[in-house]
């Protein structure tokens, strides 16, 4: 039996601003932009862009 996967892009540019902290085992999805001074906690999954703080 074949498993049908949903349609989504597997590739995309990830942009990381200045003074950004990304914790251990965090996952940044394709196409996401992290603005300046953003903190991504350990183990987080970032699916949407985060503006400058």
Protein backbone atom coordinates (compact mmCIF):
# COMPACT_ATOMS: atom_id res chain seq x y z
CA UNK A 1 0.00 0.00 0.00
CA UNK A 2 1.39 3.38 -1.01
CA UNK A 3 1.05 6.33 1.32
CA UNK A 4 -0.04 9.58 -0.34
CA UNK A 5 1.86 12.54 1.06
CA UNK A 6 0.30 16.01 1.10
CA UNK A 7 1.50 18.56 -1.45
CA UNK A 8 4.06 20.91 0.06
CA UNK A 9 7.39 22.41 -0.88
CA UNK A 10 10.39 20.62 0.58
CA UNK A 11 12.78 23.37 -0.35
CA UNK A 12 12.79 27.08 0.33
CA UNK A 13 15.05 29.87 1.45
CA UNK A 14 15.40 30.35 5.20
CA UNK A 15 16.47 33.86 6.22
CA UNK A 16 17.92 34.50 9.68
CA UNK A 17 18.33 38.06 10.98
CA UNK A 18 20.96 39.50 13.31
CA UNK A 19 21.25 38.42 16.97
CA UNK A 20 18.98 35.39 16.55
CA UNK A 21 19.21 32.49 19.03
CA UNK A 22 18.13 29.05 17.82
CA UNK A 23 17.95 26.38 20.52
CA UNK A 24 19.01 22.75 20.21
CA UNK A 25 16.93 20.51 17.95
CA UNK A 26 14.79 23.42 16.70
CA UNK A 27 13.29 22.90 13.25
CA UNK A 28 12.92 25.85 10.87
CA UNK A 29 10.59 25.03 7.98
CA UNK A 30 11.33 26.08 4.36
CA UNK A 31 10.46 29.65 3.42
CA UNK A 32 10.58 31.03 6.97
CA UNK A 33 12.20 34.38 7.78
CA UNK A 34 13.39 35.09 11.32
CA UNK A 35 13.77 38.81 12.02
CA UNK A 36 16.38 40.48 14.22
CA UNK A 37 16.57 39.64 17.95
CA UNK A 38 14.32 36.55 17.66
CA UNK A 39 14.63 33.64 20.11
CA UNK A 40 13.63 30.15 18.98
CA UNK A 41 13.33 27.78 21.94
CA UNK A 42 14.93 24.34 21.97
CA UNK A 43 12.80 21.71 20.25
CA UNK A 44 10.53 24.29 18.58
CA UNK A 45 9.05 23.89 15.11
CA UNK A 46 8.85 27.24 13.31
CA UNK A 47 6.28 27.12 10.48
CA UNK A 48 5.68 30.86 9.94
CA UNK A 49 7.92 33.89 9.63
CA UNK A 50 8.67 35.95 12.75
CA UNK A 51 9.16 39.75 12.42
CA UNK A 52 11.87 41.84 14.10
CA UNK A 53 11.50 42.21 17.86
